[in-house]
Amino acid sequence: MRWALYPSHDTARRPSMNPKVMMCVVVGALSAAPAFANADLAQKKNCMACHQVDQKVLGPSFKAVAAKYAGDKDAVAKLSTKVIKGGSGSFGQIPMPANPQVNEAEAQQLVTWILGLK
């Protein structure tokens, strides 16, 4: 038994995939992946011990961070540094501890994800 839809292997008889449809499928799959990957990364790097996506725990919700820094062109750089080195004063009295197990690329990935939350 042959598993091909067109066992004759005659490429002239095979329907072709519309390139626009294929591009939409690829873009859709790739755009959904970072949302899950970054939530998983936030969990893996212990961000969720103090933060949640849409409610305050010890630290502000990620959505509150996104709202506060909306339109700030330097937000990714500022917040990436804060993720790694810690900081205080932005959202109250409780300081954010340093998170040295997060490297620069991971910090930027996390911050970009957080800033994209609505």
PDB file of N, CA and C in Angstrom:
ATOM      1  N   MET A   1       0.839  -1.183   0.000  1.00  0.00           N
ATOM      2  CA  MET A   1       0.000   0.000   0.000  1.00  0.00           C
ATOM      3  C   MET A   1       0.882   1.243   0.000  1.00  0.00           C
ATOM      4  N   ARG A   2       0.528   2.186  -0.820  1.00  0.00           N
ATOM      5  CA  ARG A   2       1.291   3.434  -0.902  1.00  0.00           C
ATOM      6  C   ARG A   2       0.623   4.483  -0.030  1.00  0.00           C
ATOM      7  N   TRP A   3       1.442   5.279   0.640  1.00  0.00           N
ATOM      8  CA  TRP A   3       0.915   6.298   1.549  1.00  0.00           C
ATOM      9  C   TRP A   3       0.723   7.643   0.873  1.00  0.00           C
ATOM     10  N   ALA A   4       1.212   7.816  -0.317  1.00  0.00           N
ATOM     11  CA  ALA A   4       1.098   9.098  -1.005  1.00  0.00           C
ATOM     12  C   ALA A   4      -0.315   9.296  -1.525  1.00  0.00           C
ATOM     13  N   LEU A   5      -0.746  10.538  -1.534  1.00  0.00           N
ATOM     14  CA  LEU A   5      -2.058  10.851  -2.098  1.00  0.00           C
ATOM     15  C   LEU A   5      -2.065  10.663  -3.606  1.00  0.00           C
ATOM     16  N   TYR A   6      -0.935  10.880  -4.211  1.00  0.00           N
ATOM     17  CA  TYR A   6      -0.809  10.752  -5.651  1.00  0.00           C
ATOM     18  C   TYR A   6       0.303   9.751  -5.934  1.00  0.00           C
ATOM     19  N   PRO A   7      -0.019   8.452  -5.876  1.00  0.00           N
ATOM     20  CA  PRO A   7       1.012   7.421  -5.973  1.00  0.00           C
ATOM     21  C   PRO A   7       1.762   7.393  -7.294  1.00  0.00           C
ATOM     22  N   SER A   8       1.231   8.033  -8.309  1.00  0.00           N
ATOM     23  CA  SER A   8       1.940   7.998  -9.588  1.00  0.00           C
ATOM     24  C   SER A   8       3.193   8.873  -9.561  1.00  0.00           C
ATOM     25  N   HIS A   9       3.326   9.727  -8.546  1.00  0.00           N
ATOM     26  CA  HIS A   9       4.439  10.664  -8.427  1.00  0.00           C
ATOM     27  C   HIS A   9       4.534  11.596  -9.623  1.00  0.00           C
ATOM     28  N   ASP A  10       3.438  11.757 -10.315  1.00  0.00           N
ATOM     29  CA  ASP A  10       3.393  12.667 -11.455  1.00  0.00           C
ATOM     30  C   ASP A  10       3.132  14.067 -10.904  1.00  0.00           C
ATOM     31  N   THR A  11       4.176  14.888 -10.806  1.00  0.00           N
ATOM     32  CA  THR A  11       4.036  16.214 -10.198  1.00  0.00           C
ATOM     33  C   THR A  11       3.117  17.124 -10.991  1.00  0.00           C
ATOM     34  N   ALA A  12       2.947  16.883 -12.250  1.00  0.00           N
ATOM     35  CA  ALA A  12       2.055  17.712 -13.057  1.00  0.00           C
ATOM     36  C   ALA A  12       0.602  17.519 -12.639  1.00  0.00           C
ATOM     37  N   ARG A  13       0.266  16.362 -12.076  1.00  0.00           N
ATOM     38  CA  ARG A  13      -1.114  16.080 -11.683  1.00  0.00           C
ATOM     39  C   ARG A  13      -1.402  16.464 -10.234  1.00  0.00           C
ATOM     40  N   ARG A  14      -0.390  16.781  -9.467  1.00  0.00           N
ATOM     41  CA  ARG A  14      -0.590  17.131  -8.064  1.00  0.00           C
ATOM     42  C   ARG A  14      -1.066  18.575  -7.941  1.00  0.00           C
ATOM     43  N   PRO A  15      -2.004  18.821  -7.031  1.00  0.00           N
ATOM     44  CA  PRO A  15      -2.385  20.218  -6.801  1.00  0.00           C
ATOM     45  C   PRO A  15      -1.241  20.920  -6.059  1.00  0.00           C
ATOM     46  N   SER A  16      -1.031  22.177  -6.354  1.00  0.00           N
ATOM     47  CA  SER A  16       0.048  22.901  -5.672  1.00  0.00           C
ATOM     48  C   SER A  16      -0.517  23.671  -4.483  1.00  0.00           C
ATOM     49  N   MET A  17       0.307  23.843  -3.467  1.00  0.00           N
ATOM     50  CA  MET A  17      -0.086  24.603  -2.291  1.00  0.00           C
ATOM     51  C   MET A  17       0.053  26.082  -2.625  1.00  0.00           C
ATOM     52  N   ASN A  18      -0.981  26.838  -2.373  1.00  0.00           N
ATOM     53  CA  ASN A  18      -0.950  28.272  -2.605  1.00  0.00           C
ATOM     54  C   ASN A  18       0.096  28.887  -1.672  1.00  0.00           C
ATOM     55  N   PRO A  19       1.080  29.601  -2.195  1.00  0.00           N
ATOM     56  CA  PRO A  19       2.133  30.170  -1.342  1.00  0.00           C
ATOM     57  C   PRO A  19       1.593  31.118  -0.275  1.00  0.00           C
ATOM     58  N   LYS A  20       0.523  31.852  -0.574  1.00  0.00           N
ATOM     59  CA  LYS A  20      -0.053  32.770   0.416  1.00  0.00           C
ATOM     60  C   LYS A  20      -0.673  31.997   1.574  1.00  0.00           C
ATOM     61  N   VAL A  21      -1.335  30.901   1.262  1.00  0.00           N
ATOM     62  CA  VAL A  21      -1.928  30.073   2.312  1.00  0.00           C
ATOM     63  C   VAL A  21      -0.822  29.475   3.173  1.00  0.00           C
ATOM     64  N   MET A  22       0.213  28.984   2.537  1.00  0.00           N
ATOM     65  CA  MET A  22       1.326  28.390   3.269  1.00  0.00           C
ATOM     66  C   MET A  22       1.983  29.412   4.189  1.00  0.00           C
ATOM     67  N   MET A  23       2.155  30.643   3.708  1.00  0.00           N
ATOM     68  CA  MET A  23       2.761  31.699   4.522  1.00  0.00           C
ATOM     69  C   MET A  23       1.891  32.002   5.740  1.00  0.00           C
ATOM     70  N   CYS A  24       0.583  32.043   5.567  1.00  0.00           N
ATOM     71  CA  CYS A  24      -0.324  32.292   6.694  1.00  0.00           C
ATOM     72  C   CYS A  24      -0.226  31.180   7.737  1.00  0.00           C
ATOM     73  N   VAL A  25      -0.135  29.960   7.283  1.00  0.00           N
ATOM     74  CA  VAL A  25      -0.012  28.828   8.205  1.00  0.00           C
ATOM     75  C   VAL A  25       1.288  28.926   8.998  1.00  0.00           C
ATOM     76  N   VAL A  26       2.374  29.220   8.315  1.00  0.00           N
ATOM     77  CA  VAL A  26       3.679  29.317   8.979  1.00  0.00           C
ATOM     78  C   VAL A  26       3.708  30.485   9.959  1.00  0.00           C
ATOM     79  N   VAL A  27       3.239  31.658   9.539  1.00  0.00           N
ATOM     80  CA  VAL A  27       3.237  32.831  10.421  1.00  0.00           C
ATOM     81  C   VAL A  27       2.357  32.587  11.634  1.00  0.00           C
ATOM     82  N   GLY A  28       1.207  31.987  11.435  1.00  0.00           N
ATOM     83  CA  GLY A  28       0.321  31.687  12.562  1.00  0.00           C
ATOM     84  C   GLY A  28       0.962  30.751  13.562  1.00  0.00           C
ATOM     85  N   ALA A  29       1.605  29.738  13.073  1.00  0.00           N
ATOM     86  CA  ALA A  29       2.260  28.778  13.970  1.00  0.00           C
ATOM     87  C   ALA A  29       3.418  29.425  14.717  1.00  0.00           C
ATOM     88  N   LEU A  30       4.191  30.229  14.027  1.00  0.00           N
ATOM     89  CA  LEU A  30       5.343  30.864  14.669  1.00  0.00           C
ATOM     90  C   LEU A  30       4.940  31.959  15.642  1.00  0.00           C
ATOM     91  N   SER A  31       3.855  32.673  15.363  1.00  0.00           N
ATOM     92  CA  SER A  31       3.454  33.751  16.268  1.00  0.00           C
ATOM     93  C   SER A  31       2.845  33.216  17.553  1.00  0.00           C
ATOM     94  N   ALA A  32       2.264  32.045  17.533  1.00  0.00           N
ATOM     95  CA  ALA A  32       1.701  31.460  18.748  1.00  0.00           C
ATOM     96  C   ALA A  32       2.784  30.854  19.626  1.00  0.00           C
ATOM     97  N   ALA A  33       3.839  30.371  19.040  1.00  0.00           N
ATOM     98  CA  ALA A  33       4.889  29.693  19.804  1.00  0.00           C
ATOM     99  C   ALA A  33       5.552  30.572  20.855  1.00  0.00           C
ATOM    100  N   PRO A  34       5.913  31.833  20.551  1.00  0.00           N
ATOM    101  CA  PRO A  34       6.578  32.631  21.579  1.00  0.00           C
ATOM    102  C   PRO A  34       5.723  32.879  22.811  1.00  0.00           C
ATOM    103  N   ALA A  35       4.418  32.996  22.663  1.00  0.00           N
ATOM    104  CA  ALA A  35       3.562  33.230  23.827  1.00  0.00           C
ATOM    105  C   ALA A  35       3.685  32.092  24.822  1.00  0.00           C
ATOM    106  N   PHE A  36       3.672  30.872  24.333  1.00  0.00           N
ATOM    107  CA  PHE A  36       3.818  29.726  25.224  1.00  0.00           C
ATOM    108  C   PHE A  36       5.249  29.608  25.727  1.00  0.00           C
ATOM    109  N   ALA A  37       6.207  29.833  24.839  1.00  0.00           N
ATOM    110  CA  ALA A  37       7.609  29.700  25.222  1.00  0.00           C
ATOM    111  C   ALA A  37       7.976  30.691  26.313  1.00  0.00           C
ATOM    112  N   ASN A  38       7.486  31.920  26.217  1.00  0.00           N
ATOM    113  CA  ASN A  38       7.845  32.922  27.204  1.00  0.00           C
ATOM    114  C   ASN A  38       7.132  32.715  28.527  1.00  0.00           C
ATOM    115  N   ALA A  39       5.913  32.240  28.506  1.00  0.00           N
ATOM    116  CA  ALA A  39       5.231  31.897  29.760  1.00  0.00           C
ATOM    117  C   ALA A  39       5.966  30.744  30.431  1.00  0.00           C
ATOM    118  N   ASP A  40       6.404  29.799  29.645  1.00  0.00           N
ATOM    119  CA  ASP A  40       7.185  28.684  30.192  1.00  0.00           C
ATOM    120  C   ASP A  40       8.523  29.170  30.740  1.00  0.00           C
ATOM    121  N   LEU A  41       9.155  30.093  30.032  1.00  0.00           N
ATOM    122  CA  LEU A  41      10.425  30.641  30.494  1.00  0.00           C
ATOM    123  C   LEU A  41      10.231  31.417  31.796  1.00  0.00           C
ATOM    124  N   ALA A  42       9.153  32.176  31.897  1.00  0.00           N
ATOM    125  CA  ALA A  42       8.862  32.914  33.133  1.00  0.00           C
ATOM    126  C   ALA A  42       8.674  31.952  34.299  1.00  0.00           C
ATOM    127  N   GLN A  43       8.027  30.843  34.041  1.00  0.00           N
ATOM    128  CA  GLN A  43       7.850  29.824  35.084  1.00  0.00           C
ATOM    129  C   GLN A  43       9.193  29.193  35.450  1.00  0.00           C
ATOM    130  N   LYS A  44       9.961  28.845  34.437  1.00  0.00           N
ATOM    131  CA  LYS A  44      11.252  28.180  34.645  1.00  0.00           C
ATOM    132  C   LYS A  44      12.238  29.070  35.409  1.00  0.00           C
ATOM    133  N   LYS A  45      12.192  30.363  35.164  1.00  0.00           N
ATOM    134  CA  LYS A  45      13.129  31.294  35.796  1.00  0.00           C
ATOM    135  C   LYS A  45      12.577  31.887  37.097  1.00  0.00           C
ATOM    136  N   ASN A  46      11.508  31.307  37.611  1.00  0.00           N
ATOM    137  CA  ASN A  46      10.907  31.672  38.903  1.00  0.00           C
ATOM    138  C   ASN A  46      10.262  33.053  38.944  1.00  0.00           C
ATOM    139  N   CYS A  47       9.955  33.631  37.803  1.00  0.00           N
ATOM    140  CA  CYS A  47       9.271  34.925  37.783  1.00  0.00           C
ATOM    141  C   CYS A  47       7.881  34.811  38.409  1.00  0.00           C
ATOM    142  N   MET A  48       7.253  33.644  38.213  1.00  0.00           N
ATOM    143  CA  MET A  48       5.881  33.448  38.682  1.00  0.00           C
ATOM    144  C   MET A  48       5.794  33.298  40.204  1.00  0.00           C
ATOM    145  N   ALA A  49       6.923  33.226  40.875  1.00  0.00           N
ATOM    146  CA  ALA A  49       6.896  33.186  42.337  1.00  0.00           C
ATOM    147  C   ALA A  49       6.400  34.523  42.891  1.00  0.00           C
ATOM    148  N   CYS A  50       6.654  35.608  42.173  1.00  0.00           N
ATOM    149  CA  CYS A  50       6.262  36.942  42.639  1.00  0.00           C
ATOM    150  C   CYS A  50       5.285  37.653  41.708  1.00  0.00           C
ATOM    151  N   HIS A  51       5.147  37.189  40.479  1.00  0.00           N
ATOM    152  CA  HIS A  51       4.308  37.853  39.478  1.00  0.00           C
ATOM    153  C   HIS A  51       3.315  36.864  38.881  1.00  0.00           C
ATOM    154  N   GLN A  52       2.194  37.389  38.423  1.00  0.00           N
ATOM    155  CA  GLN A  52       1.233  36.648  37.616  1.00  0.00           C
ATOM    156  C   GLN A  52       0.907  37.513  36.406  1.00  0.00           C
ATOM    157  N   VAL A  53       0.289  36.929  35.408  1.00  0.00           N
ATOM    158  CA  VAL A  53      -0.011  37.677  34.194  1.00  0.00           C
ATOM    159  C   VAL A  53      -0.976  38.816  34.480  1.00  0.00           C
ATOM    160  N   ASP A  54      -2.072  38.531  35.186  1.00  0.00           N
ATOM    161  CA  ASP A  54      -3.092  39.571  35.328  1.00  0.00           C
ATOM    162  C   ASP A  54      -3.518  39.886  36.761  1.00  0.00           C
ATOM    163  N   GLN A  55      -2.716  39.500  37.741  1.00  0.00           N
ATOM    164  CA  GLN A  55      -3.022  39.924  39.110  1.00  0.00           C
ATOM    165  C   GLN A  55      -1.745  40.123  39.913  1.00  0.00           C
ATOM    166  N   LYS A  56      -1.806  41.088  40.820  1.00  0.00           N
ATOM    167  CA  LYS A  56      -0.660  41.398  41.676  1.00  0.00           C
ATOM    168  C   LYS A  56      -0.474  40.279  42.689  1.00  0.00           C
ATOM    169  N   VAL A  57       0.763  39.873  42.899  1.00  0.00           N
ATOM    170  CA  VAL A  57       1.101  38.905  43.947  1.00  0.00           C
ATOM    171  C   VAL A  57       2.036  39.684  44.880  1.00  0.00           C
ATOM    172  N   LEU A  58       3.303  39.375  44.940  1.00  0.00           N
ATOM    173  CA  LEU A  58       4.272  40.221  45.649  1.00  0.00           C
ATOM    174  C   LEU A  58       4.673  41.397  44.770  1.00  0.00           C
ATOM    175  N   GLY A  59       4.883  41.098  43.507  1.00  0.00           N
ATOM    176  CA  GLY A  59       5.213  42.130  42.535  1.00  0.00           C
ATOM    177  C   GLY A  59       3.999  42.428  41.677  1.00  0.00           C
ATOM    178  N   PRO A  60       4.105  43.423  40.832  1.00  0.00           N
ATOM    179  CA  PRO A  60       2.976  43.790  39.973  1.00  0.00           C
ATOM    180  C   PRO A  60       2.667  42.693  38.954  1.00  0.00           C
ATOM    181  N   SER A  61       1.442  42.725  38.440  1.00  0.00           N
ATOM    182  CA  SER A  61       1.105  41.789  37.364  1.00  0.00           C
ATOM    183  C   SER A  61       1.905  42.171  36.122  1.00  0.00           C
ATOM    184  N   PHE A  62       2.127  41.205  35.268  1.00  0.00           N
ATOM    185  CA  PHE A  62       2.839  41.497  34.028  1.00  0.00           C
ATOM    186  C   PHE A  62       2.058  42.497  33.180  1.00  0.00           C
ATOM    187  N   LYS A  63       0.727  42.424  33.224  1.00  0.00           N
ATOM    188  CA  LYS A  63      -0.085  43.373  32.456  1.00  0.00           C
ATOM    189  C   LYS A  63       0.069  44.790  32.998  1.00  0.00           C
ATOM    190  N   ALA A  64       0.217  44.941  34.321  1.00  0.00           N
ATOM    191  CA  ALA A  64       0.446  46.267  34.909  1.00  0.00           C
ATOM    192  C   ALA A  64       1.796  46.821  34.462  1.00  0.00           C
ATOM    193  N   VAL A  65       2.791  45.965  34.379  1.00  0.00           N
ATOM    194  CA  VAL A  65       4.111  46.384  33.894  1.00  0.00           C
ATOM    195  C   VAL A  65       3.998  46.834  32.441  1.00  0.00           C
ATOM    196  N   ALA A  66       3.289  46.054  31.633  1.00  0.00           N
ATOM    197  CA  ALA A  66       3.112  46.402  30.219  1.00  0.00           C
ATOM    198  C   ALA A  66       2.407  47.745  30.078  1.00  0.00           C
ATOM    199  N   ALA A  67       1.378  47.984  30.892  1.00  0.00           N
ATOM    200  CA  ALA A  67       0.643  49.249  30.826  1.00  0.00           C
ATOM    201  C   ALA A  67       1.528  50.426  31.242  1.00  0.00           C
ATOM    202  N   LYS A  68       2.304  50.252  32.299  1.00  0.00           N
ATOM    203  CA  LYS A  68       3.164  51.337  32.797  1.00  0.00           C
ATOM    204  C   LYS A  68       4.230  51.726  31.777  1.00  0.00           C
ATOM    205  N   TYR A  69       4.772  50.759  31.071  1.00  0.00           N
ATOM    206  CA  TYR A  69       5.873  51.025  30.148  1.00  0.00           C
ATOM    207  C   TYR A  69       5.429  51.121  28.688  1.00  0.00           C
ATOM    208  N   ALA A  70       4.134  51.131  28.436  1.00  0.00           N
ATOM    209  CA  ALA A  70       3.630  51.258  27.061  1.00  0.00           C
ATOM    210  C   ALA A  70       4.138  52.567  26.457  1.00  0.00           C
ATOM    211  N   GLY A  71       4.691  52.491  25.287  1.00  0.00           N
ATOM    212  CA  GLY A  71       5.182  53.676  24.598  1.00  0.00           C
ATOM    213  C   GLY A  71       6.589  54.104  24.991  1.00  0.00           C
ATOM    214  N   ASP A  72       7.191  53.458  25.959  1.00  0.00           N
ATOM    215  CA  ASP A  72       8.556  53.788  26.377  1.00  0.00           C
ATOM    216  C   ASP A  72       9.531  53.025  25.487  1.00  0.00           C
ATOM    217  N   LYS A  73      10.227  53.753  24.625  1.00  0.00           N
ATOM    218  CA  LYS A  73      11.127  53.096  23.664  1.00  0.00           C
ATOM    219  C   LYS A  73      12.328  52.430  24.325  1.00  0.00           C
ATOM    220  N   ASP A  74      12.632  52.804  25.548  1.00  0.00           N
ATOM    221  CA  ASP A  74      13.762  52.213  26.270  1.00  0.00           C
ATOM    222  C   ASP A  74      13.336  51.120  27.248  1.00  0.00           C
ATOM    223  N   ALA A  75      12.069  50.745  27.211  1.00  0.00           N
ATOM    224  CA  ALA A  75      11.534  49.809  28.205  1.00  0.00           C
ATOM    225  C   ALA A  75      12.238  48.456  28.189  1.00  0.00           C
ATOM    226  N   VAL A  76      12.510  47.917  27.022  1.00  0.00           N
ATOM    227  CA  VAL A  76      13.140  46.588  26.962  1.00  0.00           C
ATOM    228  C   VAL A  76      14.505  46.622  27.641  1.00  0.00           C
ATOM    229  N   ALA A  77      15.293  47.634  27.360  1.00  0.00           N
ATOM    230  CA  ALA A  77      16.628  47.735  27.968  1.00  0.00           C
ATOM    231  C   ALA A  77      16.526  47.949  29.475  1.00  0.00           C
ATOM    232  N   LYS A  78      15.664  48.879  29.904  1.00  0.00           N
ATOM    233  CA  LYS A  78      15.521  49.169  31.338  1.00  0.00           C
ATOM    234  C   LYS A  78      15.045  47.949  32.113  1.00  0.00           C
ATOM    235  N   LEU A  79      13.998  47.324  31.592  1.00  0.00           N
ATOM    236  CA  LEU A  79      13.408  46.201  32.319  1.00  0.00           C
ATOM    237  C   LEU A  79      14.281  44.951  32.258  1.00  0.00           C
ATOM    238  N   SER A  80      15.004  44.757  31.170  1.00  0.00           N
ATOM    239  CA  SER A  80      15.922  43.608  31.090  1.00  0.00           C
ATOM    240  C   SER A  80      16.996  43.717  32.166  1.00  0.00           C
ATOM    241  N   THR A  81      17.505  44.920  32.357  1.00  0.00           N
ATOM    242  CA  THR A  81      18.493  45.152  33.414  1.00  0.00           C
ATOM    243  C   THR A  81      17.885  44.889  34.781  1.00  0.00           C
ATOM    244  N   LYS A  82      16.647  45.349  34.970  1.00  0.00           N
ATOM    245  CA  LYS A  82      15.975  45.153  36.257  1.00  0.00           C
ATOM    246  C   LYS A  82      15.717  43.669  36.525  1.00  0.00           C
ATOM    247  N   VAL A  83      15.388  42.908  35.494  1.00  0.00           N
ATOM    248  CA  VAL A  83      15.166  41.466  35.663  1.00  0.00           C
ATOM    249  C   VAL A  83      16.439  40.796  36.181  1.00  0.00           C
ATOM    250  N   ILE A  84      17.570  41.159  35.634  1.00  0.00           N
ATOM    251  CA  ILE A  84      18.835  40.517  35.999  1.00  0.00           C
ATOM    252  C   ILE A  84      19.400  41.054  37.316  1.00  0.00           C
ATOM    253  N   LYS A  85      19.401  42.379  37.473  1.00  0.00           N
ATOM    254  CA  LYS A  85      20.063  42.997  38.629  1.00  0.00           C
ATOM    255  C   LYS A  85      19.126  43.339  39.785  1.00  0.00           C
ATOM    256  N   GLY A  86      17.810  43.304  39.534  1.00  0.00           N
ATOM    257  CA  GLY A  86      16.856  43.698  40.565  1.00  0.00           C
ATOM    258  C   GLY A  86      16.654  45.201  40.559  1.00  0.00           C
ATOM    259  N   GLY A  87      15.792  45.675  41.435  1.00  0.00           N
ATOM    260  CA  GLY A  87      15.520  47.107  41.505  1.00  0.00           C
ATOM    261  C   GLY A  87      14.402  47.387  42.480  1.00  0.00           C
ATOM    262  N   SER A  88      14.115  48.669  42.681  1.00  0.00           N
ATOM    263  CA  SER A  88      13.042  49.049  43.601  1.00  0.00           C
ATOM    264  C   SER A  88      12.458  50.387  43.198  1.00  0.00           C
ATOM    265  N   GLY A  89      11.306  50.690  43.800  1.00  0.00           N
ATOM    266  CA  GLY A  89      10.703  51.993  43.635  1.00  0.00           C
ATOM    267  C   GLY A  89       9.730  52.151  42.494  1.00  0.00           C
ATOM    268  N   SER A  90       9.658  51.229  41.596  1.00  0.00           N
ATOM    269  CA  SER A  90       8.767  51.390  40.449  1.00  0.00           C
ATOM    270  C   SER A  90       7.322  51.035  40.763  1.00  0.00           C
ATOM    271  N   PHE A  91       7.117  50.046  41.620  1.00  0.00           N
ATOM    272  CA  PHE A  91       5.769  49.567  41.914  1.00  0.00           C
ATOM    273  C   PHE A  91       5.542  49.399  43.414  1.00  0.00           C
ATOM    274  N   GLY A  92       6.094  50.264  44.219  1.00  0.00           N
ATOM    275  CA  GLY A  92       5.866  50.151  45.651  1.00  0.00           C
ATOM    276  C   GLY A  92       7.136  49.880  46.426  1.00  0.00           C
ATOM    277  N   GLN A  93       6.959  49.474  47.671  1.00  0.00           N
ATOM    278  CA  GLN A  93       8.073  49.346  48.601  1.00  0.00           C
ATOM    279  C   GLN A  93       8.869  48.049  48.469  1.00  0.00           C
ATOM    280  N   ILE A  94       8.257  46.996  47.969  1.00  0.00           N
ATOM    281  CA  ILE A  94       8.946  45.702  47.913  1.00  0.00           C
ATOM    282  C   ILE A  94       9.920  45.696  46.734  1.00  0.00           C
ATOM    283  N   PRO A  95      11.220  45.554  47.002  1.00  0.00           N
ATOM    284  CA  PRO A  95      12.189  45.549  45.903  1.00  0.00           C
ATOM    285  C   PRO A  95      12.153  44.230  45.129  1.00  0.00           C
ATOM    286  N   MET A  96      12.476  44.337  43.860  1.00  0.00           N
ATOM    287  CA  MET A  96      12.599  43.131  43.041  1.00  0.00           C
ATOM    288  C   MET A  96      14.012  42.594  43.226  1.00  0.00           C
ATOM    289  N   PRO A  97      14.141  41.333  43.641  1.00  0.00           N
ATOM    290  CA  PRO A  97      15.486  40.781  43.839  1.00  0.00           C
ATOM    291  C   PRO A  97      16.186  40.523  42.504  1.00  0.00           C
ATOM    292  N   ALA A  98      17.490  40.490  42.554  1.00  0.00           N
ATOM    293  CA  ALA A  98      18.280  40.151  41.366  1.00  0.00           C
ATOM    294  C   ALA A  98      17.969  38.716  40.950  1.00  0.00           C
ATOM    295  N   ASN A  99      18.068  38.465  39.672  1.00  0.00           N
ATOM    296  CA  ASN A  99      17.781  37.142  39.127  1.00  0.00           C
ATOM    297  C   ASN A  99      18.945  36.752  38.208  1.00  0.00           C
ATOM    298  N   PRO A 100      20.124  36.474  38.790  1.00  0.00           N
ATOM    299  CA  PRO A 100      21.324  36.252  37.974  1.00  0.00           C
ATOM    300  C   PRO A 100      21.299  34.994  37.112  1.00  0.00           C
ATOM    301  N   GLN A 101      20.364  34.071  37.361  1.00  0.00           N
ATOM    302  CA  GLN A 101      20.301  32.883  36.502  1.00  0.00           C
ATOM    303  C   GLN A 101      19.636  33.184  35.157  1.00  0.00           C
ATOM    304  N   VAL A 102      19.110  34.404  34.999  1.00  0.00           N
ATOM    305  CA  VAL A 102      18.539  34.839  33.720  1.00  0.00           C
ATOM    306  C   VAL A 102      19.640  35.562  32.950  1.00  0.00           C
ATOM    307  N   ASN A 103      19.925  35.094  31.740  1.00  0.00           N
ATOM    308  CA  ASN A 103      20.937  35.791  30.935  1.00  0.00           C
ATOM    309  C   ASN A 103      20.286  36.936  30.158  1.00  0.00           C
ATOM    310  N   GLU A 104      21.096  37.733  29.496  1.00  0.00           N
ATOM    311  CA  GLU A 104      20.602  38.924  28.794  1.00  0.00           C
ATOM    312  C   GLU A 104      19.565  38.572  27.726  1.00  0.00           C
ATOM    313  N   ALA A 105      19.821  37.551  26.938  1.00  0.00           N
ATOM    314  CA  ALA A 105      18.881  37.155  25.878  1.00  0.00           C
ATOM    315  C   ALA A 105      17.549  36.706  26.469  1.00  0.00           C
ATOM    316  N   GLU A 106      17.594  35.940  27.540  1.00  0.00           N
ATOM    317  CA  GLU A 106      16.357  35.491  28.197  1.00  0.00           C
ATOM    318  C   GLU A 106      15.608  36.675  28.796  1.00  0.00           C
ATOM    319  N   ALA A 107      16.332  37.604  29.406  1.00  0.00           N
ATOM    320  CA  ALA A 107      15.692  38.785  29.988  1.00  0.00           C
ATOM    321  C   ALA A 107      14.980  39.589  28.906  1.00  0.00           C
ATOM    322  N   GLN A 108      15.624  39.785  27.776  1.00  0.00           N
ATOM    323  CA  GLN A 108      14.997  40.518  26.676  1.00  0.00           C
ATOM    324  C   GLN A 108      13.783  39.775  26.140  1.00  0.00           C
ATOM    325  N   GLN A 109      13.875  38.464  26.052  1.00  0.00           N
ATOM    326  CA  GLN A 109      12.753  37.654  25.583  1.00  0.00           C
ATOM    327  C   GLN A 109      11.575  37.778  26.551  1.00  0.00           C
ATOM    328  N   LEU A 110      11.844  37.676  27.840  1.00  0.00           N
ATOM    329  CA  LEU A 110      10.791  37.801  28.848  1.00  0.00           C
ATOM    330  C   LEU A 110      10.157  39.185  28.816  1.00  0.00           C
ATOM    331  N   VAL A 111      10.978  40.221  28.777  1.00  0.00           N
ATOM    332  CA  VAL A 111      10.464  41.591  28.790  1.00  0.00           C
ATOM    333  C   VAL A 111       9.651  41.878  27.535  1.00  0.00           C
ATOM    334  N   THR A 112      10.114  41.425  26.397  1.00  0.00           N
ATOM    335  CA  THR A 112       9.360  41.627  25.153  1.00  0.00           C
ATOM    336  C   THR A 112       8.000  40.947  25.243  1.00  0.00           C
ATOM    337  N   TRP A 113       7.968  39.751  25.797  1.00  0.00           N
ATOM    338  CA  TRP A 113       6.699  39.046  25.994  1.00  0.00           C
ATOM    339  C   TRP A 113       5.800  39.822  26.950  1.00  0.00           C
ATOM    340  N   ILE A 114       6.341  40.264  28.078  1.00  0.00           N
ATOM    341  CA  ILE A 114       5.550  41.000  29.072  1.00  0.00           C
ATOM    342  C   ILE A 114       4.980  42.274  28.463  1.00  0.00           C
ATOM    343  N   LEU A 115       5.801  43.025  27.744  1.00  0.00           N
ATOM    344  CA  LEU A 115       5.336  44.282  27.152  1.00  0.00           C
ATOM    345  C   LEU A 115       4.277  44.063  26.076  1.00  0.00           C
ATOM    346  N   GLY A 116       4.213  42.871  25.526  1.00  0.00           N
ATOM    347  CA  GLY A 116       3.202  42.555  24.517  1.00  0.00           C
ATOM    348  C   GLY A 116       1.869  42.117  25.094  1.00  0.00           C
ATOM    349  N   LEU A 117       1.800  41.943  26.407  1.00  0.00           N
ATOM    350  CA  LEU A 117       0.544  41.523  27.034  1.00  0.00           C
ATOM    351  C   LEU A 117      -0.424  42.696  27.080  1.00  0.00           C
ATOM    352  N   LYS A 118      -1.679  42.415  26.890  1.00  0.00           N
ATOM    353  CA  LYS A 118      -2.706  43.471  26.919  1.00  0.00           C
ATOM    354  C   LYS A 118      -3.725  43.171  27.982  1.00  0.00           C
TER     355      LYS A 118
END
